[in-house]
Amino acid sequence: MSSSYLRMCAFFAATSACACAGGAAAPAAGTTTASPQSTTAATRDRDVITREDLSDPGLRGQSVLSVVRSLRPYYLTERGKNSHSDDEAGKVHVSVNGGRILPLDELDKISANEILEIRYLNPALAMQKFGGAAREGPVILVKTM
């Protein structure tokens, strides 16, 4: 076989391997390949519900608790109880505008229309921010307008 034929076969094998693996040609100098939508999706924090997320017409007028159930149901997952004396240990709690820890049902009293951001703190982060008041459970932070 001629060497040019072997080089051509190697070239096609390499390019088809890249195509199968989802590879793409490198962009030309000074250009970018990421679209604004893909960049947003790649940087989106699943522990935050933004004002943009809340702009969905189907969410208007709903309570914050309903919105959380729809958009991020894992925020409502309670942690196993570690304390025999505290019935609230491991349960999900809420803080509105950086205030004190409140029961989860407080989110039913707030309309999604009033919200700037909803942020989830896992139990470890909640304990760092609120100490024992977090009661070993996650905390949902709500910022209103």
N, C-alpha and C. Protein backbone atom coordinates (compact mmCIF):
# COMPACT_ATOMS: atom_id res chain seq x y z
N MET A 1 0.83 -1.19 0.00
CA MET A 1 0.00 0.00 0.00
C MET A 1 0.87 1.24 0.00
N SER A 2 0.39 2.25 -0.66
CA SER A 2 1.18 3.48 -0.73
C SER A 2 1.05 4.26 0.57
N SER A 3 2.06 5.06 0.84
CA SER A 3 2.05 5.83 2.08
C SER A 3 0.97 6.91 2.07
N SER A 4 0.63 7.45 0.93
CA SER A 4 -0.43 8.46 0.87
C SER A 4 -1.79 7.83 1.18
N TYR A 5 -1.99 6.60 0.75
CA TYR A 5 -3.24 5.89 1.05
C TYR A 5 -3.34 5.64 2.55
N LEU A 6 -2.25 5.24 3.19
CA LEU A 6 -2.24 5.00 4.64
C LEU A 6 -2.48 6.29 5.41
N ARG A 7 -1.87 7.39 4.94
CA ARG A 7 -2.09 8.68 5.61
C ARG A 7 -3.55 9.10 5.50
N MET A 8 -4.16 8.88 4.33
CA MET A 8 -5.56 9.23 4.13
C MET A 8 -6.46 8.39 5.04
N CYS A 9 -6.16 7.10 5.16
CA CYS A 9 -6.94 6.22 6.05
C CYS A 9 -6.81 6.67 7.50
N ALA A 10 -5.59 7.02 7.89
CA ALA A 10 -5.36 7.48 9.26
C ALA A 10 -6.11 8.78 9.52
N PHE A 11 -6.10 9.68 8.54
CA PHE A 11 -6.82 10.95 8.66
C PHE A 11 -8.32 10.71 8.87
N PHE A 12 -8.92 9.87 8.02
CA PHE A 12 -10.35 9.59 8.14
C PHE A 12 -10.68 8.88 9.44
N ALA A 13 -9.81 7.99 9.88
CA ALA A 13 -10.04 7.30 11.15
C ALA A 13 -10.02 8.30 12.31
N ALA A 14 -9.06 9.22 12.27
CA ALA A 14 -8.95 10.20 13.35
C ALA A 14 -10.14 11.15 13.37
N THR A 15 -10.55 11.64 12.19
CA THR A 15 -11.67 12.59 12.16
C THR A 15 -12.98 11.91 12.51
N SER A 16 -13.16 10.67 12.11
CA SER A 16 -14.41 9.99 12.47
C SER A 16 -14.42 9.66 13.95
N ALA A 17 -13.26 9.39 14.56
CA ALA A 17 -13.21 9.15 16.00
C ALA A 17 -13.59 10.41 16.76
N CYS A 18 -13.12 11.55 16.29
CA CYS A 18 -13.49 12.82 16.93
C CYS A 18 -14.98 13.08 16.81
N ALA A 19 -15.54 12.80 15.64
CA ALA A 19 -16.96 13.03 15.42
C ALA A 19 -17.80 12.11 16.30
N CYS A 20 -17.36 10.87 16.45
CA CYS A 20 -18.12 9.93 17.29
C CYS A 20 -18.05 10.31 18.75
N ALA A 21 -16.92 10.89 19.17
CA ALA A 21 -16.74 11.28 20.56
C ALA A 21 -17.35 12.63 20.86
N GLY A 22 -17.94 13.26 19.86
CA GLY A 22 -18.56 14.56 20.09
C GLY A 22 -17.56 15.69 20.01
N GLY A 23 -16.35 15.41 19.52
CA GLY A 23 -15.33 16.44 19.40
C GLY A 23 -15.70 17.43 18.31
N ALA A 24 -15.13 18.58 18.40
CA ALA A 24 -15.38 19.61 17.39
C ALA A 24 -14.07 20.27 17.05
N ALA A 25 -14.03 20.88 15.90
CA ALA A 25 -12.83 21.59 15.50
C ALA A 25 -12.61 22.77 16.43
N ALA A 26 -11.36 23.08 16.66
CA ALA A 26 -11.03 24.20 17.52
C ALA A 26 -11.48 25.49 16.84
N PRO A 27 -12.00 26.45 17.62
CA PRO A 27 -12.43 27.71 17.01
C PRO A 27 -11.23 28.50 16.54
N ALA A 28 -11.46 29.34 15.55
CA ALA A 28 -10.41 30.22 15.06
C ALA A 28 -10.04 31.21 16.15
N ALA A 29 -8.84 31.71 16.10
CA ALA A 29 -8.38 32.66 17.10
C ALA A 29 -9.34 33.84 17.19
N GLY A 30 -9.68 34.23 18.43
CA GLY A 30 -10.54 35.38 18.64
C GLY A 30 -12.03 35.07 18.53
N THR A 31 -12.41 33.81 18.34
CA THR A 31 -13.83 33.47 18.25
C THR A 31 -14.20 32.56 19.40
N THR A 32 -15.48 32.50 19.70
CA THR A 32 -15.98 31.61 20.74
C THR A 32 -17.05 30.73 20.15
N THR A 33 -17.21 29.55 20.76
CA THR A 33 -18.23 28.63 20.26
C THR A 33 -19.43 28.53 21.18
N ALA A 34 -19.30 29.01 22.42
CA ALA A 34 -20.39 28.88 23.38
C ALA A 34 -21.47 29.90 23.09
N SER A 35 -22.70 29.45 23.04
CA SER A 35 -23.81 30.37 22.86
C SER A 35 -24.22 30.88 24.23
N PRO A 36 -24.92 32.01 24.32
CA PRO A 36 -25.35 32.52 25.61
C PRO A 36 -26.20 31.52 26.38
N GLN A 37 -27.03 30.75 25.67
CA GLN A 37 -27.88 29.78 26.35
C GLN A 37 -27.06 28.66 26.96
N SER A 38 -26.06 28.13 26.22
CA SER A 38 -25.27 27.04 26.75
C SER A 38 -24.41 27.52 27.91
N THR A 39 -23.93 28.76 27.85
CA THR A 39 -23.14 29.30 28.95
C THR A 39 -24.00 29.43 30.19
N THR A 40 -25.22 29.92 30.03
CA THR A 40 -26.13 30.06 31.16
C THR A 40 -26.44 28.71 31.78
N ALA A 41 -26.73 27.72 30.95
CA ALA A 41 -27.04 26.39 31.46
C ALA A 41 -25.85 25.79 32.18
N ALA A 42 -24.64 26.04 31.66
CA ALA A 42 -23.45 25.47 32.27
C ALA A 42 -23.13 26.11 33.61
N THR A 43 -23.48 27.39 33.78
CA THR A 43 -23.15 28.09 35.02
C THR A 43 -24.32 28.15 35.99
N ARG A 44 -25.46 27.65 35.63
CA ARG A 44 -26.64 27.70 36.49
C ARG A 44 -26.39 26.89 37.77
N ASP A 45 -26.69 27.49 38.88
CA ASP A 45 -26.53 26.85 40.19
C ASP A 45 -27.85 26.21 40.57
N ARG A 46 -27.86 24.90 40.70
CA ARG A 46 -29.13 24.22 40.98
C ARG A 46 -29.63 24.50 42.40
N ASP A 47 -28.80 25.11 43.23
CA ASP A 47 -29.22 25.45 44.58
C ASP A 47 -29.80 26.86 44.66
N VAL A 48 -30.04 27.48 43.49
CA VAL A 48 -30.61 28.82 43.46
C VAL A 48 -31.76 28.86 42.46
N ILE A 49 -32.87 29.43 42.89
CA ILE A 49 -33.99 29.74 42.00
C ILE A 49 -33.95 31.25 41.82
N THR A 50 -33.73 31.69 40.59
CA THR A 50 -33.55 33.11 40.31
C THR A 50 -34.87 33.79 39.97
N ARG A 51 -34.82 35.10 39.90
CA ARG A 51 -35.98 35.90 39.46
C ARG A 51 -36.39 35.49 38.06
N GLU A 52 -35.40 35.16 37.22
CA GLU A 52 -35.68 34.70 35.86
C GLU A 52 -36.48 33.39 35.88
N ASP A 53 -36.09 32.47 36.75
CA ASP A 53 -36.83 31.21 36.89
C ASP A 53 -38.28 31.47 37.32
N LEU A 54 -38.45 32.47 38.16
CA LEU A 54 -39.78 32.78 38.70
C LEU A 54 -40.65 33.56 37.72
N SER A 55 -40.08 33.99 36.60
CA SER A 55 -40.84 34.77 35.63
C SER A 55 -41.78 33.92 34.78
N ASP A 56 -41.72 32.62 34.92
CA ASP A 56 -42.61 31.71 34.19
C ASP A 56 -44.06 32.05 34.54
N PRO A 57 -44.91 32.33 33.53
CA PRO A 57 -46.30 32.70 33.80
C PRO A 57 -47.07 31.64 34.61
N GLY A 58 -46.68 30.41 34.49
CA GLY A 58 -47.36 29.35 35.25
C GLY A 58 -47.11 29.41 36.74
N LEU A 59 -46.10 30.19 37.16
CA LEU A 59 -45.76 30.28 38.58
C LEU A 59 -46.34 31.53 39.25
N ARG A 60 -46.86 32.45 38.44
CA ARG A 60 -47.41 33.69 38.99
C ARG A 60 -48.54 33.41 39.97
N GLY A 61 -48.47 34.09 41.08
CA GLY A 61 -49.52 33.96 42.07
C GLY A 61 -49.40 32.75 42.97
N GLN A 62 -48.48 31.83 42.68
CA GLN A 62 -48.30 30.67 43.55
C GLN A 62 -47.51 31.06 44.78
N SER A 63 -47.62 30.24 45.81
CA SER A 63 -46.81 30.47 47.01
C SER A 63 -45.39 30.00 46.74
N VAL A 64 -44.47 30.49 47.52
CA VAL A 64 -43.08 30.08 47.37
C VAL A 64 -42.95 28.58 47.61
N LEU A 65 -43.71 28.04 48.55
CA LEU A 65 -43.65 26.61 48.81
C LEU A 65 -44.08 25.81 47.58
N SER A 66 -45.12 26.25 46.90
CA SER A 66 -45.56 25.58 45.67
C SER A 66 -44.50 25.66 44.58
N VAL A 67 -43.87 26.81 44.46
CA VAL A 67 -42.81 26.98 43.46
C VAL A 67 -41.65 26.04 43.74
N VAL A 68 -41.24 25.96 44.99
CA VAL A 68 -40.13 25.07 45.35
C VAL A 68 -40.52 23.62 45.06
N ARG A 69 -41.74 23.25 45.38
CA ARG A 69 -42.20 21.87 45.08
C ARG A 69 -42.13 21.59 43.58
N SER A 70 -42.43 22.60 42.75
CA SER A 70 -42.43 22.43 41.30
C SER A 70 -41.02 22.43 40.71
N LEU A 71 -40.21 23.41 41.10
CA LEU A 71 -38.92 23.61 40.46
C LEU A 71 -37.76 22.84 41.10
N ARG A 72 -37.74 22.72 42.42
CA ARG A 72 -36.62 22.06 43.11
C ARG A 72 -37.14 21.23 44.29
N PRO A 73 -37.85 20.15 44.01
CA PRO A 73 -38.43 19.37 45.11
C PRO A 73 -37.39 18.82 46.09
N TYR A 74 -36.15 18.65 45.65
CA TYR A 74 -35.14 18.13 46.58
C TYR A 74 -34.84 19.11 47.71
N TYR A 75 -35.17 20.40 47.56
CA TYR A 75 -34.99 21.36 48.64
C TYR A 75 -35.79 20.91 49.88
N LEU A 76 -36.84 20.16 49.66
CA LEU A 76 -37.75 19.80 50.75
C LEU A 76 -37.43 18.47 51.41
N THR A 77 -36.32 17.87 51.03
CA THR A 77 -35.93 16.59 51.60
C THR A 77 -35.41 16.78 53.01
N GLU A 78 -36.05 16.12 53.93
CA GLU A 78 -35.63 16.22 55.33
C GLU A 78 -34.50 15.24 55.60
N ARG A 79 -33.67 15.61 56.52
CA ARG A 79 -32.56 14.78 56.94
C ARG A 79 -33.05 13.89 58.08
N GLY A 80 -32.47 12.74 58.20
CA GLY A 80 -32.85 11.84 59.30
C GLY A 80 -32.67 12.50 60.65
N LYS A 81 -33.53 12.16 61.56
CA LYS A 81 -33.51 12.74 62.89
C LYS A 81 -32.31 12.22 63.68
N ASN A 82 -31.48 13.12 64.20
CA ASN A 82 -30.32 12.73 65.00
C ASN A 82 -30.54 12.98 66.48
N SER A 83 -31.60 13.66 66.81
CA SER A 83 -31.85 14.03 68.20
C SER A 83 -33.17 13.42 68.67
N HIS A 84 -33.12 12.80 69.81
CA HIS A 84 -34.35 12.21 70.37
C HIS A 84 -35.20 13.25 71.08
N SER A 85 -34.61 14.36 71.46
CA SER A 85 -35.35 15.35 72.23
C SER A 85 -35.88 16.51 71.38
N ASP A 86 -35.42 16.64 70.13
CA ASP A 86 -35.83 17.78 69.29
C ASP A 86 -36.62 17.27 68.09
N ASP A 87 -37.93 17.51 68.09
CA ASP A 87 -38.78 17.07 66.99
C ASP A 87 -38.48 17.81 65.68
N GLU A 88 -37.83 18.96 65.75
CA GLU A 88 -37.51 19.76 64.55
C GLU A 88 -36.15 19.41 63.96
N ALA A 89 -35.39 18.57 64.64
CA ALA A 89 -34.04 18.22 64.16
C ALA A 89 -34.13 17.53 62.80
N GLY A 90 -33.30 18.01 61.86
CA GLY A 90 -33.24 17.42 60.53
C GLY A 90 -34.31 17.92 59.56
N LYS A 91 -35.27 18.69 60.04
CA LYS A 91 -36.32 19.21 59.16
C LYS A 91 -35.83 20.43 58.38
N VAL A 92 -36.51 20.69 57.28
CA VAL A 92 -36.19 21.86 56.45
C VAL A 92 -36.78 23.10 57.12
N HIS A 93 -35.97 24.14 57.23
CA HIS A 93 -36.41 25.41 57.79
C HIS A 93 -36.19 26.52 56.77
N VAL A 94 -36.59 27.72 57.13
CA VAL A 94 -36.58 28.86 56.23
C VAL A 94 -36.00 30.08 56.93
N SER A 95 -35.33 30.92 56.15
CA SER A 95 -34.92 32.24 56.62
C SER A 95 -35.31 33.23 55.53
N VAL A 96 -36.07 34.26 55.91
CA VAL A 96 -36.51 35.28 54.96
C VAL A 96 -35.69 36.54 55.18
N ASN A 97 -35.03 36.99 54.10
CA ASN A 97 -34.21 38.21 54.13
C ASN A 97 -33.15 38.19 55.23
N GLY A 98 -32.57 37.03 55.47
CA GLY A 98 -31.50 36.90 56.45
C GLY A 98 -31.96 36.89 57.89
N GLY A 99 -33.25 36.79 58.10
CA GLY A 99 -33.80 36.79 59.46
C GLY A 99 -33.64 35.45 60.15
N ARG A 100 -34.33 35.32 61.25
CA ARG A 100 -34.23 34.10 62.07
C ARG A 100 -34.83 32.90 61.35
N ILE A 101 -34.53 31.74 61.87
CA ILE A 101 -35.03 30.48 61.31
C ILE A 101 -36.52 30.34 61.61
N LEU A 102 -37.27 29.98 60.58
CA LEU A 102 -38.72 29.82 60.68
C LEU A 102 -39.12 28.43 60.18
N PRO A 103 -40.33 27.99 60.55
CA PRO A 103 -40.82 26.71 60.02
C PRO A 103 -41.06 26.79 58.51
N LEU A 104 -41.00 25.66 57.85
CA LEU A 104 -41.16 25.57 56.40
C LEU A 104 -42.50 26.13 55.93
N ASP A 105 -43.55 25.94 56.71
CA ASP A 105 -44.89 26.38 56.26
C ASP A 105 -44.99 27.90 56.10
N GLU A 106 -43.99 28.66 56.55
CA GLU A 106 -43.97 30.11 56.33
C GLU A 106 -43.90 30.43 54.83
N LEU A 107 -43.35 29.50 54.03
CA LEU A 107 -43.25 29.73 52.58
C LEU A 107 -44.62 29.74 51.91
N ASP A 108 -45.60 29.15 52.56
CA ASP A 108 -46.96 29.16 52.01
C ASP A 108 -47.60 30.54 52.10
N LYS A 109 -47.06 31.40 52.96
CA LYS A 109 -47.61 32.73 53.18
C LYS A 109 -47.00 33.79 52.28
N ILE A 110 -46.00 33.40 51.47
CA ILE A 110 -45.29 34.36 50.62
C ILE A 110 -45.58 34.04 49.16
N SER A 111 -45.95 35.07 48.40
CA SER A 111 -46.22 34.90 46.98
C SER A 111 -44.92 34.91 46.18
N ALA A 112 -44.84 34.07 45.18
CA ALA A 112 -43.66 34.01 44.32
C ALA A 112 -43.41 35.34 43.61
N ASN A 113 -44.45 36.13 43.43
CA ASN A 113 -44.31 37.44 42.78
C ASN A 113 -43.44 38.40 43.58
N GLU A 114 -43.27 38.14 44.87
CA GLU A 114 -42.52 39.03 45.75
C GLU A 114 -41.05 38.66 45.87
N ILE A 115 -40.60 37.63 45.15
CA ILE A 115 -39.29 37.03 45.40
C ILE A 115 -38.23 37.47 44.41
N LEU A 116 -37.03 37.76 44.92
CA LEU A 116 -35.85 38.01 44.09
C LEU A 116 -35.06 36.73 43.88
N GLU A 117 -34.94 35.93 44.95
CA GLU A 117 -34.12 34.72 44.88
C GLU A 117 -34.49 33.75 45.99
N ILE A 118 -34.38 32.48 45.67
CA ILE A 118 -34.55 31.41 46.65
C ILE A 118 -33.29 30.57 46.58
N ARG A 119 -32.66 30.35 47.72
CA ARG A 119 -31.38 29.63 47.76
C ARG A 119 -31.46 28.50 48.79
N TYR A 120 -30.93 27.35 48.41
CA TYR A 120 -30.92 26.17 49.28
C TYR A 120 -29.57 26.04 49.96
N LEU A 121 -29.59 25.85 51.27
CA LEU A 121 -28.37 25.54 52.02
C LEU A 121 -28.49 24.12 52.53
N ASN A 122 -27.53 23.27 52.18
CA ASN A 122 -27.55 21.90 52.71
C ASN A 122 -27.30 21.96 54.21
N PRO A 123 -27.51 20.87 54.93
CA PRO A 123 -27.38 20.93 56.39
C PRO A 123 -26.03 21.45 56.88
N ALA A 124 -24.93 21.09 56.21
CA ALA A 124 -23.62 21.57 56.66
C ALA A 124 -23.50 23.08 56.50
N LEU A 125 -23.91 23.61 55.35
CA LEU A 125 -23.85 25.06 55.13
C LEU A 125 -24.82 25.79 56.05
N ALA A 126 -25.98 25.19 56.30
CA ALA A 126 -26.96 25.80 57.20
C ALA A 126 -26.39 25.90 58.62
N MET A 127 -25.69 24.86 59.04
CA MET A 127 -25.08 24.89 60.38
C MET A 127 -23.98 25.96 60.45
N GLN A 128 -23.21 26.13 59.37
CA GLN A 128 -22.18 27.16 59.35
C GLN A 128 -22.79 28.55 59.47
N LYS A 129 -23.89 28.77 58.77
CA LYS A 129 -24.52 30.10 58.75
C LYS A 129 -25.36 30.38 60.00
N PHE A 130 -26.12 29.38 60.45
CA PHE A 130 -27.09 29.62 61.53
C PHE A 130 -26.76 28.90 62.83
N GLY A 131 -25.73 28.08 62.83
CA GLY A 131 -25.39 27.34 64.04
C GLY A 131 -26.49 26.37 64.43
N GLY A 132 -26.70 26.20 65.70
CA GLY A 132 -27.70 25.27 66.22
C GLY A 132 -29.13 25.60 65.84
N ALA A 133 -29.37 26.85 65.44
CA ALA A 133 -30.72 27.24 65.04
C ALA A 133 -31.19 26.48 63.80
N ALA A 134 -30.23 25.99 62.99
CA ALA A 134 -30.58 25.23 61.79
C ALA A 134 -31.08 23.83 62.15
N ARG A 135 -30.83 23.40 63.37
CA ARG A 135 -31.33 22.12 63.88
C ARG A 135 -30.95 20.93 63.00
N GLU A 136 -29.72 20.97 62.50
CA GLU A 136 -29.13 19.85 61.75
C GLU A 136 -29.84 19.57 60.44
N GLY A 137 -30.62 20.52 59.95
CA GLY A 137 -31.34 20.32 58.69
C GLY A 137 -31.01 21.40 57.68
N PRO A 138 -31.50 21.23 56.46
CA PRO A 138 -31.27 22.25 55.43
C PRO A 138 -32.11 23.50 55.71
N VAL A 139 -31.69 24.61 55.13
CA VAL A 139 -32.41 25.87 55.27
C VAL A 139 -32.60 26.46 53.87
N ILE A 140 -33.80 26.94 53.62
CA ILE A 140 -34.12 27.64 52.38
C ILE A 140 -34.08 29.14 52.67
N LEU A 141 -33.18 29.84 51.96
CA LEU A 141 -33.05 31.28 52.12
C LEU A 141 -33.92 31.96 51.07
N VAL A 142 -34.72 32.91 51.50
CA VAL A 142 -35.62 33.63 50.58
C VAL A 142 -35.31 35.11 50.66
N LYS A 143 -35.08 35.73 49.49
CA LYS A 143 -34.88 37.18 49.42
C LYS A 143 -36.11 37.76 48.71
N THR A 144 -36.76 38.69 49.40
CA THR A 144 -37.93 39.34 48.81
C THR A 144 -37.52 40.70 48.25
N MET A 145 -38.43 41.27 47.43
CA MET A 145 -38.17 42.60 46.83
C MET A 145 -38.37 43.67 47.86
